[in-house]
Amino acid sequence: MNLVDIKLPKKTKEELKKEGMPSTDDQEQWPYGLRLDFEKEQVDKMASLKNLNIGDKVLVQGEGSVVEVRMSERQGGEDRHSVCIQIEKVSVESAKKKKPEDMSMKEYKAMRMNE
């Protein structure tokens, strides 16, 4: 699997002013819409989500369908191309695999339920 860093480049005060945005040091680091939120129903279906803590790294694998493709040209501006993918199936696993003997009872039970 080839991982691509999608972190947004930090914009200068001039670039922010040109876009009509307030110049602040609190710029978004990641593009809007590329965040996955799992609600109770999904967490109940995927035991691997129950033992995650803030800051943990995870591996996400998914399957989806392209639901929209947009291309536009602008006079004196940059051409734009965007693709919208509806994620339909997803798997989330901890990036660090623990040995069963290093797991808490809760983690061990969750691992056994996923097998």
N, C-alpha and C. Protein backbone atom coordinates (compact mmCIF):
# COMPACT_ATOMS: atom_id res chain seq x y z
N MET A 1 0.85 -1.17 0.00
CA MET A 1 0.00 0.00 0.00
C MET A 1 0.90 1.23 0.00
N ASN A 2 0.64 2.16 -0.92
CA ASN A 2 1.42 3.39 -1.03
C ASN A 2 0.68 4.50 -0.28
N LEU A 3 1.28 5.03 0.80
CA LEU A 3 0.65 6.08 1.59
C LEU A 3 1.12 7.44 1.11
N VAL A 4 0.18 8.35 0.90
CA VAL A 4 0.47 9.70 0.42
C VAL A 4 0.10 10.70 1.51
N ASP A 5 1.02 11.58 1.87
CA ASP A 5 0.76 12.61 2.87
C ASP A 5 -0.16 13.67 2.26
N ILE A 6 -1.32 13.90 2.87
CA ILE A 6 -2.29 14.85 2.32
C ILE A 6 -2.39 16.12 3.17
N LYS A 7 -1.41 16.34 4.02
CA LYS A 7 -1.41 17.53 4.87
C LYS A 7 -1.38 18.77 3.98
N LEU A 8 -2.18 19.78 4.36
CA LEU A 8 -2.26 21.02 3.59
C LEU A 8 -1.00 21.86 3.81
N PRO A 9 -0.51 22.53 2.75
CA PRO A 9 0.63 23.43 2.92
C PRO A 9 0.20 24.67 3.70
N LYS A 10 1.09 25.18 4.53
CA LYS A 10 0.79 26.38 5.30
C LYS A 10 0.81 27.58 4.35
N LYS A 11 -0.26 28.40 4.41
CA LYS A 11 -0.38 29.55 3.52
C LYS A 11 0.21 30.79 4.18
N THR A 12 0.73 31.66 3.33
CA THR A 12 1.29 32.92 3.82
C THR A 12 0.14 33.89 4.12
N LYS A 13 0.45 34.96 4.84
CA LYS A 13 -0.56 35.97 5.15
C LYS A 13 -1.10 36.60 3.87
N GLU A 14 -0.24 36.75 2.85
CA GLU A 14 -0.67 37.32 1.57
C GLU A 14 -1.67 36.39 0.87
N GLU A 15 -1.39 35.08 0.88
CA GLU A 15 -2.30 34.12 0.25
C GLU A 15 -3.66 34.10 0.96
N LEU A 16 -3.63 34.16 2.28
CA LEU A 16 -4.89 34.18 3.04
C LEU A 16 -5.68 35.45 2.75
N LYS A 17 -4.99 36.57 2.65
CA LYS A 17 -5.65 37.85 2.37
C LYS A 17 -6.30 37.81 0.98
N LYS A 18 -5.57 37.25 0.00
CA LYS A 18 -6.06 37.14 -1.37
C LYS A 18 -7.33 36.29 -1.43
N GLU A 19 -7.41 35.26 -0.59
CA GLU A 19 -8.58 34.38 -0.55
C GLU A 19 -9.69 34.91 0.35
N GLY A 20 -9.45 36.06 0.99
CA GLY A 20 -10.46 36.64 1.86
C GLY A 20 -10.57 35.94 3.20
N MET A 21 -9.52 35.24 3.60
CA MET A 21 -9.51 34.52 4.87
C MET A 21 -8.75 35.34 5.90
N PRO A 22 -9.13 35.25 7.17
CA PRO A 22 -8.39 35.97 8.20
C PRO A 22 -6.99 35.38 8.34
N SER A 23 -6.00 36.23 8.52
CA SER A 23 -4.64 35.71 8.70
C SER A 23 -4.49 35.26 10.14
N THR A 24 -4.37 33.97 10.30
CA THR A 24 -4.28 33.38 11.63
C THR A 24 -3.28 32.23 11.61
N ASP A 25 -2.74 31.94 12.76
CA ASP A 25 -1.82 30.81 12.87
C ASP A 25 -2.57 29.51 13.10
N ASP A 26 -3.92 29.59 13.16
CA ASP A 26 -4.76 28.43 13.45
C ASP A 26 -5.35 27.85 12.17
N GLN A 27 -4.52 27.67 11.14
CA GLN A 27 -4.98 27.14 9.85
C GLN A 27 -5.26 25.64 9.97
N GLU A 28 -6.20 25.18 9.16
CA GLU A 28 -6.47 23.74 9.12
C GLU A 28 -5.25 23.01 8.57
N GLN A 29 -4.93 21.87 9.18
CA GLN A 29 -3.79 21.07 8.72
C GLN A 29 -4.19 20.03 7.68
N TRP A 30 -5.47 19.62 7.71
CA TRP A 30 -5.92 18.54 6.85
C TRP A 30 -7.16 19.00 6.07
N PRO A 31 -7.35 18.48 4.84
CA PRO A 31 -8.51 18.88 4.03
C PRO A 31 -9.83 18.48 4.68
N TYR A 32 -10.83 19.36 4.55
CA TYR A 32 -12.17 19.07 5.06
C TYR A 32 -12.74 17.87 4.31
N GLY A 33 -13.41 17.01 5.01
CA GLY A 33 -14.07 15.87 4.39
C GLY A 33 -13.23 14.61 4.35
N LEU A 34 -11.99 14.67 4.81
CA LEU A 34 -11.16 13.46 4.80
C LEU A 34 -11.01 12.88 6.21
N ARG A 35 -11.98 13.15 7.04
CA ARG A 35 -12.00 12.65 8.41
C ARG A 35 -13.10 11.60 8.50
N LEU A 36 -12.82 10.49 9.14
CA LEU A 36 -13.82 9.44 9.32
C LEU A 36 -14.35 9.50 10.74
N ASP A 37 -15.65 9.63 10.88
CA ASP A 37 -16.30 9.62 12.20
C ASP A 37 -17.12 8.34 12.32
N PHE A 38 -16.84 7.57 13.35
CA PHE A 38 -17.57 6.33 13.59
C PHE A 38 -18.50 6.55 14.78
N GLU A 39 -19.79 6.33 14.58
CA GLU A 39 -20.79 6.48 15.63
C GLU A 39 -20.96 5.14 16.35
N LYS A 40 -21.80 5.12 17.37
CA LYS A 40 -22.01 3.93 18.21
C LYS A 40 -22.29 2.68 17.38
N GLU A 41 -23.15 2.82 16.36
CA GLU A 41 -23.52 1.66 15.56
C GLU A 41 -22.32 1.04 14.85
N GLN A 42 -21.42 1.88 14.33
CA GLN A 42 -20.23 1.37 13.67
C GLN A 42 -19.23 0.80 14.68
N VAL A 43 -19.08 1.48 15.81
CA VAL A 43 -18.16 1.01 16.85
C VAL A 43 -18.63 -0.36 17.35
N ASP A 44 -19.94 -0.55 17.49
CA ASP A 44 -20.47 -1.84 17.92
C ASP A 44 -20.17 -2.95 16.90
N LYS A 45 -20.10 -2.60 15.62
CA LYS A 45 -19.83 -3.58 14.56
C LYS A 45 -18.34 -3.90 14.45
N MET A 46 -17.47 -2.97 14.88
CA MET A 46 -16.02 -3.14 14.71
C MET A 46 -15.34 -3.06 16.07
N ALA A 47 -15.12 -4.21 16.68
CA ALA A 47 -14.54 -4.26 18.02
C ALA A 47 -13.17 -3.59 18.08
N SER A 48 -12.46 -3.54 16.96
CA SER A 48 -11.12 -2.93 16.95
C SER A 48 -11.16 -1.45 17.32
N LEU A 49 -12.30 -0.78 17.16
CA LEU A 49 -12.41 0.64 17.48
C LEU A 49 -12.53 0.89 18.99
N LYS A 50 -12.98 -0.11 19.73
CA LYS A 50 -13.28 0.08 21.15
C LYS A 50 -12.05 0.29 22.02
N ASN A 51 -10.90 -0.17 21.59
CA ASN A 51 -9.70 -0.09 22.43
C ASN A 51 -8.72 0.97 21.98
N LEU A 52 -9.14 1.86 21.08
CA LEU A 52 -8.24 2.89 20.59
C LEU A 52 -8.23 4.09 21.53
N ASN A 53 -7.08 4.73 21.62
CA ASN A 53 -6.91 5.92 22.44
C ASN A 53 -6.48 7.08 21.57
N ILE A 54 -6.70 8.31 22.04
CA ILE A 54 -6.29 9.50 21.31
C ILE A 54 -4.79 9.43 21.05
N GLY A 55 -4.40 9.68 19.81
CA GLY A 55 -3.00 9.65 19.42
C GLY A 55 -2.54 8.33 18.84
N ASP A 56 -3.35 7.26 19.02
CA ASP A 56 -2.98 5.96 18.43
C ASP A 56 -2.96 6.07 16.91
N LYS A 57 -2.03 5.38 16.28
CA LYS A 57 -1.99 5.29 14.83
C LYS A 57 -2.77 4.05 14.41
N VAL A 58 -3.53 4.17 13.32
CA VAL A 58 -4.33 3.05 12.83
C VAL A 58 -4.10 2.85 11.34
N LEU A 59 -4.38 1.65 10.89
CA LEU A 59 -4.37 1.33 9.46
C LEU A 59 -5.83 1.25 9.03
N VAL A 60 -6.18 1.97 7.98
CA VAL A 60 -7.55 1.99 7.48
C VAL A 60 -7.53 1.44 6.06
N GLN A 61 -8.40 0.49 5.81
CA GLN A 61 -8.54 -0.05 4.47
C GLN A 61 -10.02 0.04 4.12
N GLY A 62 -10.32 0.46 2.93
CA GLY A 62 -11.72 0.64 2.60
C GLY A 62 -12.04 0.31 1.16
N GLU A 63 -13.35 0.26 0.92
CA GLU A 63 -13.87 0.06 -0.43
C GLU A 63 -14.98 1.08 -0.62
N GLY A 64 -14.99 1.70 -1.76
CA GLY A 64 -16.00 2.70 -2.01
C GLY A 64 -16.32 2.80 -3.49
N SER A 65 -17.26 3.70 -3.78
CA SER A 65 -17.67 3.95 -5.16
C SER A 65 -17.51 5.43 -5.47
N VAL A 66 -17.05 5.70 -6.68
CA VAL A 66 -16.97 7.09 -7.13
C VAL A 66 -18.41 7.54 -7.39
N VAL A 67 -18.83 8.62 -6.70
CA VAL A 67 -20.20 9.10 -6.86
C VAL A 67 -20.27 10.45 -7.56
N GLU A 68 -19.12 11.11 -7.73
CA GLU A 68 -19.12 12.39 -8.42
C GLU A 68 -17.71 12.72 -8.90
N VAL A 69 -17.63 13.24 -10.13
CA VAL A 69 -16.37 13.73 -10.70
C VAL A 69 -16.64 15.13 -11.23
N ARG A 70 -15.83 16.09 -10.81
CA ARG A 70 -16.02 17.48 -11.25
C ARG A 70 -14.72 17.99 -11.85
N MET A 71 -14.84 18.63 -13.02
CA MET A 71 -13.70 19.29 -13.65
C MET A 71 -14.17 20.65 -14.13
N SER A 72 -13.37 21.66 -13.89
CA SER A 72 -13.75 22.99 -14.35
C SER A 72 -12.51 23.77 -14.76
N GLU A 73 -12.72 24.65 -15.73
CA GLU A 73 -11.67 25.56 -16.18
C GLU A 73 -12.09 26.96 -15.80
N ARG A 74 -11.13 27.79 -15.40
CA ARG A 74 -11.44 29.16 -15.03
C ARG A 74 -10.54 30.10 -15.82
N GLN A 75 -11.14 31.14 -16.34
CA GLN A 75 -10.38 32.13 -17.07
C GLN A 75 -9.44 32.84 -16.09
N GLY A 76 -8.17 32.82 -16.41
CA GLY A 76 -7.18 33.47 -15.56
C GLY A 76 -6.95 32.75 -14.24
N GLY A 77 -7.49 31.58 -14.10
CA GLY A 77 -7.34 30.84 -12.84
C GLY A 77 -6.85 29.43 -13.08
N GLU A 78 -6.78 28.72 -12.03
CA GLU A 78 -6.28 27.35 -12.06
C GLU A 78 -7.41 26.38 -12.39
N ASP A 79 -7.14 25.39 -13.26
CA ASP A 79 -8.12 24.34 -13.53
C ASP A 79 -8.33 23.53 -12.26
N ARG A 80 -9.55 23.02 -12.09
CA ARG A 80 -9.86 22.23 -10.90
C ARG A 80 -10.39 20.86 -11.31
N HIS A 81 -10.04 19.88 -10.50
CA HIS A 81 -10.49 18.51 -10.73
C HIS A 81 -10.71 17.89 -9.36
N SER A 82 -11.91 17.40 -9.11
CA SER A 82 -12.18 16.76 -7.83
C SER A 82 -12.97 15.47 -8.04
N VAL A 83 -12.80 14.57 -7.11
CA VAL A 83 -13.46 13.27 -7.16
C VAL A 83 -14.07 13.01 -5.78
N CYS A 84 -15.34 12.62 -5.75
CA CYS A 84 -16.02 12.30 -4.50
C CYS A 84 -16.24 10.79 -4.45
N ILE A 85 -15.74 10.17 -3.39
CA ILE A 85 -15.85 8.72 -3.22
C ILE A 85 -16.69 8.44 -1.97
N GLN A 86 -17.73 7.65 -2.13
CA GLN A 86 -18.53 7.22 -0.99
C GLN A 86 -17.92 5.93 -0.45
N ILE A 87 -17.41 6.00 0.77
CA ILE A 87 -16.85 4.81 1.41
C ILE A 87 -18.01 3.91 1.80
N GLU A 88 -17.94 2.64 1.40
CA GLU A 88 -19.03 1.70 1.64
C GLU A 88 -18.65 0.61 2.63
N LYS A 89 -17.39 0.23 2.63
CA LYS A 89 -16.90 -0.79 3.57
C LYS A 89 -15.56 -0.31 4.09
N VAL A 90 -15.29 -0.58 5.37
CA VAL A 90 -14.04 -0.09 5.95
C VAL A 90 -13.55 -1.07 7.03
N SER A 91 -12.24 -1.12 7.16
CA SER A 91 -11.60 -1.91 8.22
C SER A 91 -10.59 -0.99 8.89
N VAL A 92 -10.57 -1.02 10.22
CA VAL A 92 -9.62 -0.21 10.98
C VAL A 92 -8.90 -1.12 11.96
N GLU A 93 -7.58 -1.08 11.93
CA GLU A 93 -6.79 -1.88 12.85
C GLU A 93 -5.69 -1.03 13.44
N SER A 94 -5.28 -1.37 14.64
CA SER A 94 -4.17 -0.67 15.27
C SER A 94 -2.92 -0.86 14.43
N ALA A 95 -2.13 0.19 14.28
CA ALA A 95 -0.91 0.09 13.49
C ALA A 95 0.13 -0.77 14.20
N LYS A 96 0.05 -0.83 15.52
CA LYS A 96 0.97 -1.66 16.30
C LYS A 96 0.23 -2.90 16.77
N LYS A 97 0.71 -4.04 16.38
CA LYS A 97 0.08 -5.29 16.78
C LYS A 97 0.65 -5.72 18.14
N LYS A 98 -0.24 -5.98 19.07
CA LYS A 98 0.17 -6.46 20.39
C LYS A 98 0.11 -7.97 20.41
N LYS A 99 1.00 -8.57 21.16
CA LYS A 99 0.93 -10.00 21.39
C LYS A 99 -0.18 -10.24 22.40
N PRO A 100 -0.89 -11.37 22.30
CA PRO A 100 -1.98 -11.65 23.24
C PRO A 100 -1.55 -11.53 24.71
N GLU A 101 -0.34 -11.93 25.04
CA GLU A 101 0.11 -11.86 26.43
C GLU A 101 0.34 -10.43 26.92
N ASP A 102 0.44 -9.47 25.98
CA ASP A 102 0.63 -8.06 26.35
C ASP A 102 -0.69 -7.29 26.38
N MET A 103 -1.80 -7.96 26.08
CA MET A 103 -3.10 -7.29 26.00
C MET A 103 -3.82 -7.30 27.35
N SER A 104 -4.66 -6.28 27.53
CA SER A 104 -5.56 -6.29 28.68
C SER A 104 -6.66 -7.30 28.36
N MET A 105 -7.45 -7.65 29.37
CA MET A 105 -8.54 -8.60 29.14
C MET A 105 -9.53 -8.04 28.11
N LYS A 106 -9.78 -6.73 28.18
CA LYS A 106 -10.70 -6.08 27.24
C LYS A 106 -10.16 -6.18 25.81
N GLU A 107 -8.87 -5.90 25.63
CA GLU A 107 -8.25 -5.97 24.30
C GLU A 107 -8.25 -7.41 23.78
N TYR A 108 -7.95 -8.37 24.67
CA TYR A 108 -7.90 -9.77 24.28
C TYR A 108 -9.29 -10.25 23.83
N LYS A 109 -10.32 -9.84 24.58
CA LYS A 109 -11.70 -10.23 24.23
C LYS A 109 -12.08 -9.63 22.86
N ALA A 110 -11.72 -8.36 22.64
CA ALA A 110 -12.03 -7.71 21.36
C ALA A 110 -11.32 -8.43 20.22
N MET A 111 -10.05 -8.81 20.42
CA MET A 111 -9.29 -9.52 19.39
C MET A 111 -9.97 -10.87 19.07
N ARG A 112 -10.39 -11.57 20.11
CA ARG A 112 -11.03 -12.88 19.91
C ARG A 112 -12.36 -12.75 19.17
N MET A 113 -13.09 -11.65 19.43
CA MET A 113 -14.38 -11.45 18.78
C MET A 113 -14.21 -11.13 17.30
N ASN A 114 -13.08 -10.55 16.93
CA ASN A 114 -12.82 -10.20 15.52
C ASN A 114 -12.37 -11.40 14.71
N GLU A 115 -11.88 -12.44 15.33
CA GLU A 115 -11.36 -13.59 14.60
C GLU A 115 -12.45 -14.36 13.89
